């Protein structure tokens, strides 16, 4: 295993932030990201990053936020192509009826992440 001096700073920061997130000590990632995707995918991923910790929105709401509610399938497709599942929180997007829908990591992981965020945010007094 390489020493921490051999691991780039940005990677050490990413690991630390992920560790803090899973311990319930971090709600917003502060990483310089440059995921590769189309302009539309980039717009969707940026919008995903704006969904607050512990909150959800539907694919329809996300489509409306992006200015075209008819683009719901394209939004869902871009959501599914998100390469950074936890850091760009695609797990926070649910069906219009509140149901869990597709997640590349599996629905059980999506449910776990949503529960994790709800339990953590409920512990906060403010």
C-alpha atoms as a PDB file:
ATOM      1  CA  UNK A   1       0.000   0.000   0.000  1.00  0.00           C
ATOM      2  CA  UNK A   2       1.459   3.376  -0.960  1.00  0.00           C
ATOM      3  CA  UNK A   3       2.227   5.904   1.735  1.00  0.00           C
ATOM      4  CA  UNK A   4       0.093   9.038   1.949  1.00  0.00           C
ATOM      5  CA  UNK A   5       2.998  10.990   0.438  1.00  0.00           C
ATOM      6  CA  UNK A   6       2.577   8.979  -2.769  1.00  0.00           C
ATOM      7  CA  UNK A   7      -1.166   9.642  -3.010  1.00  0.00           C
ATOM      8  CA  UNK A   8      -2.069  12.935  -4.723  1.00  0.00           C
ATOM      9  CA  UNK A   9      -3.651  15.585  -2.496  1.00  0.00           C
ATOM     10  CA  UNK A  10      -6.906  15.650  -4.485  1.00  0.00           C
ATOM     11  CA  UNK A  11      -7.337  11.907  -4.002  1.00  0.00           C
ATOM     12  CA  UNK A  12      -6.572  12.119  -0.280  1.00  0.00           C
ATOM     13  CA  UNK A  13      -9.184  14.883  -0.036  1.00  0.00           C
ATOM     14  CA  UNK A  14     -11.751  12.776  -1.900  1.00  0.00           C
ATOM     15  CA  UNK A  15     -11.160   9.788   0.382  1.00  0.00           C
ATOM     16  CA  UNK A  16     -11.385  12.000   3.485  1.00  0.00           C
ATOM     17  CA  UNK A  17     -14.599  13.626   2.304  1.00  0.00           C
ATOM     18  CA  UNK A  18     -16.185  10.276   1.448  1.00  0.00           C
ATOM     19  CA  UNK A  19     -15.180   8.966   4.873  1.00  0.00           C
ATOM     20  CA  UNK A  20     -16.701  12.046   6.530  1.00  0.00           C
ATOM     21  CA  UNK A  21     -19.895  11.667   4.464  1.00  0.00           C
ATOM     22  CA  UNK A  22     -20.369   8.042   5.480  1.00  0.00           C
ATOM     23  CA  UNK A  23     -19.676   8.908   9.128  1.00  0.00           C
ATOM     24  CA  UNK A  24     -22.419  11.545   8.939  1.00  0.00           C
ATOM     25  CA  UNK A  25     -20.012  14.470   9.311  1.00  0.00           C
ATOM     26  CA  UNK A  26     -20.249  15.898   5.781  1.00  0.00           C
ATOM     27  CA  UNK A  27     -23.265  17.002   3.770  1.00  0.00           C
ATOM     28  CA  UNK A  28     -21.654  18.755   0.802  1.00  0.00           C
ATOM     29  CA  UNK A  29     -18.608  17.616  -1.098  1.00  0.00           C
ATOM     30  CA  UNK A  30     -15.992  20.217  -1.927  1.00  0.00           C
ATOM     31  CA  UNK A  31     -14.070  18.561  -4.731  1.00  0.00           C
ATOM     32  CA  UNK A  32     -12.915  19.874  -8.075  1.00  0.00           C
ATOM     33  CA  UNK A  33     -14.772  17.629 -10.475  1.00  0.00           C
ATOM     34  CA  UNK A  34     -14.505  17.272 -14.214  1.00  0.00           C
ATOM     35  CA  UNK A  35     -16.612  14.263 -15.178  1.00  0.00           C
ATOM     36  CA  UNK A  36     -16.716  13.627 -18.896  1.00  0.00           C
ATOM     37  CA  UNK A  37     -20.101  13.903 -20.558  1.00  0.00           C
ATOM     38  CA  UNK A  38     -22.173  15.827 -23.058  1.00  0.00           C
ATOM     39  CA  UNK A  39     -23.189  19.419 -22.368  1.00  0.00           C
ATOM     40  CA  UNK A  40     -26.664  18.189 -21.405  1.00  0.00           C
ATOM     41  CA  UNK A  41     -25.259  15.560 -19.038  1.00  0.00           C
ATOM     42  CA  UNK A  42     -23.087  18.251 -17.449  1.00  0.00           C
ATOM     43  CA  UNK A  43     -26.189  20.423 -16.887  1.00  0.00           C
ATOM     44  CA  UNK A  44     -28.041  17.521 -15.289  1.00  0.00           C
ATOM     45  CA  UNK A  45     -25.082  16.614 -13.058  1.00  0.00           C
ATOM     46  CA  UNK A  46     -24.760  20.239 -11.940  1.00  0.00           C
ATOM     47  CA  UNK A  47     -28.479  20.282 -11.080  1.00  0.00           C
ATOM     48  CA  UNK A  48     -28.069  17.016  -9.140  1.00  0.00           C
ATOM     49  CA  UNK A  49     -25.335  18.649  -7.081  1.00  0.00           C
ATOM     50  CA  UNK A  50     -27.799  21.365  -6.082  1.00  0.00           C
ATOM     51  CA  UNK A  51     -30.293  18.955  -4.490  1.00  0.00           C
ATOM     52  CA  UNK A  52     -29.800  19.503  -0.751  1.00  0.00           C
ATOM     53  CA  UNK A  53     -28.526  16.762   1.535  1.00  0.00           C
ATOM     54  CA  UNK A  54     -31.451  14.802   2.988  1.00  0.00           C
ATOM     55  CA  UNK A  55     -33.873  15.988   0.284  1.00  0.00           C
ATOM     56  CA  UNK A  56     -35.172  14.392  -2.882  1.00  0.00           C
ATOM     57  CA  UNK A  57     -36.738  15.569  -6.108  1.00  0.00           C
ATOM     58  CA  UNK A  58     -38.476  13.765  -8.936  1.00  0.00           C
ATOM     59  CA  UNK A  59     -37.199  13.343 -12.466  1.00  0.00           C
ATOM     60  CA  UNK A  60     -40.067  15.605 -13.554  1.00  0.00           C
ATOM     61  CA  UNK A  61     -39.052  18.333 -11.089  1.00  0.00           C
ATOM     62  CA  UNK A  62     -35.468  18.082 -12.293  1.00  0.00           C
ATOM     63  CA  UNK A  63     -36.618  18.318 -15.928  1.00  0.00           C
ATOM     64  CA  UNK A  64     -38.641  21.435 -15.096  1.00  0.00           C
ATOM     65  CA  UNK A  65     -35.676  22.965 -13.283  1.00  0.00           C
ATOM     66  CA  UNK A  66     -33.626  22.447 -16.429  1.00  0.00           C
ATOM     67  CA  UNK A  67     -36.319  24.199 -18.461  1.00  0.00           C
ATOM     68  CA  UNK A  68     -37.986  21.346 -20.350  1.00  0.00           C
ATOM     69  CA  UNK A  69     -40.324  18.950 -18.594  1.00  0.00           C
ATOM     70  CA  UNK A  70     -40.571  16.911 -21.811  1.00  0.00           C
ATOM     71  CA  UNK A  71     -36.879  16.049 -21.415  1.00  0.00           C
ATOM     72  CA  UNK A  72     -37.676  13.707 -18.523  1.00  0.00           C
ATOM     73  CA  UNK A  73     -36.265  10.629 -20.292  1.00  0.00           C
ATOM     74  CA  UNK A  74     -33.101  12.472 -21.282  1.00  0.00           C
ATOM     75  CA  UNK A  75     -32.720  13.654 -17.681  1.00  0.00           C
ATOM     76  CA  UNK A  76     -33.169  10.084 -16.435  1.00  0.00           C
ATOM     77  CA  UNK A  77     -30.600   8.864 -18.962  1.00  0.00           C
ATOM     78  CA  UNK A  78     -28.061  11.523 -17.929  1.00  0.00           C
ATOM     79  CA  UNK A  79     -28.745  10.671 -14.294  1.00  0.00           C
ATOM     80  CA  UNK A  80     -27.951   7.037 -15.062  1.00  0.00           C
ATOM     81  CA  UNK A  81     -24.663   7.979 -16.724  1.00  0.00           C
ATOM     82  CA  UNK A  82     -23.420   9.909 -13.682  1.00  0.00           C
ATOM     83  CA  UNK A  83     -19.897   8.554 -13.050  1.00  0.00           C
ATOM     84  CA  UNK A  84     -19.670   9.776  -9.435  1.00  0.00           C
ATOM     85  CA  UNK A  85     -22.738   8.265  -7.744  1.00  0.00           C
ATOM     86  CA  UNK A  86     -22.341   9.586  -4.214  1.00  0.00           C
ATOM     87  CA  UNK A  87     -20.430  12.803  -4.884  1.00  0.00           C
ATOM     88  CA  UNK A  88     -22.913  13.887  -7.581  1.00  0.00           C
ATOM     89  CA  UNK A  89     -26.007  12.736  -5.672  1.00  0.00           C
ATOM     90  CA  UNK A  90     -28.128  11.019  -8.314  1.00  0.00           C
ATOM     91  CA  UNK A  91     -29.601   8.863  -5.529  1.00  0.00           C
ATOM     92  CA  UNK A  92     -31.676  11.902  -4.496  1.00  0.00           C
ATOM     93  CA  UNK A  93     -33.836  11.651  -7.632  1.00  0.00           C
ATOM     94  CA  UNK A  94     -36.983   9.569  -7.256  1.00  0.00           C
ATOM     95  CA  UNK A  95     -40.164   8.850  -9.192  1.00  0.00           C
ATOM     96  CA  UNK A  96     -42.988  11.415  -9.203  1.00  0.00           C
ATOM     97  CA  UNK A  97     -44.993   9.084  -6.970  1.00  0.00           C
ATOM     98  CA  UNK A  98     -42.155   8.921  -4.438  1.00  0.00           C
ATOM     99  CA  UNK A  99     -40.994   5.485  -5.545  1.00  0.00           C
ATOM    100  CA  UNK A 100     -37.372   4.516  -5.879  1.00  0.00           C
ATOM    101  CA  UNK A 101     -36.447   4.122  -9.496  1.00  0.00           C
ATOM    102  CA  UNK A 102     -33.284   3.046 -11.264  1.00  0.00           C
ATOM    103  CA  UNK A 103     -29.895   3.422  -9.655  1.00  0.00           C
ATOM    104  CA  UNK A 104     -26.702   2.081 -11.198  1.00  0.00           C
ATOM    105  CA  UNK A 105     -25.538   0.879  -7.780  1.00  0.00           C
ATOM    106  CA  UNK A 106     -28.788  -0.987  -7.148  1.00  0.00           C
ATOM    107  CA  UNK A 107     -31.980   0.184  -5.466  1.00  0.00           C
ATOM    108  CA  UNK A 108     -30.916  -1.221  -2.096  1.00  0.00           C
ATOM    109  CA  UNK A 109     -27.894   1.144  -2.147  1.00  0.00           C
ATOM    110  CA  UNK A 110     -30.085   4.066  -3.194  1.00  0.00           C
ATOM    111  CA  UNK A 111     -32.416   3.328  -0.276  1.00  0.00           C
ATOM    112  CA  UNK A 112     -29.437   3.047   2.084  1.00  0.00           C
ATOM    113  CA  UNK A 113     -28.024   6.419   0.956  1.00  0.00           C
ATOM    114  CA  UNK A 114     -31.397   8.144   1.350  1.00  0.00           C
ATOM    115  CA  UNK A 115     -31.857   6.610   4.810  1.00  0.00           C
ATOM    116  CA  UNK A 116     -28.308   7.614   5.748  1.00  0.00           C
ATOM    117  CA  UNK A 117     -28.955  11.214   4.753  1.00  0.00           C
ATOM    118  CA  UNK A 118     -32.350  11.374   6.457  1.00  0.00           C
ATOM    119  CA  UNK A 119     -31.045   9.870   9.684  1.00  0.00           C
ATOM    120  CA  UNK A 120     -28.059  12.214   9.706  1.00  0.00           C
ATOM    121  CA  UNK A 121     -30.101  15.331   8.933  1.00  0.00           C
ATOM    122  CA  UNK A 122     -32.666  14.438  11.618  1.00  0.00           C
ATOM    123  CA  UNK A 123     -29.911  14.374  14.238  1.00  0.00           C
ATOM    124  CA  UNK A 124     -29.133  18.030  13.584  1.00  0.00           C
ATOM    125  CA  UNK A 125     -30.883  20.582  15.784  1.00  0.00           C
ATOM    126  CA  UNK A 126     -30.621  23.313  13.150  1.00  0.00           C
END
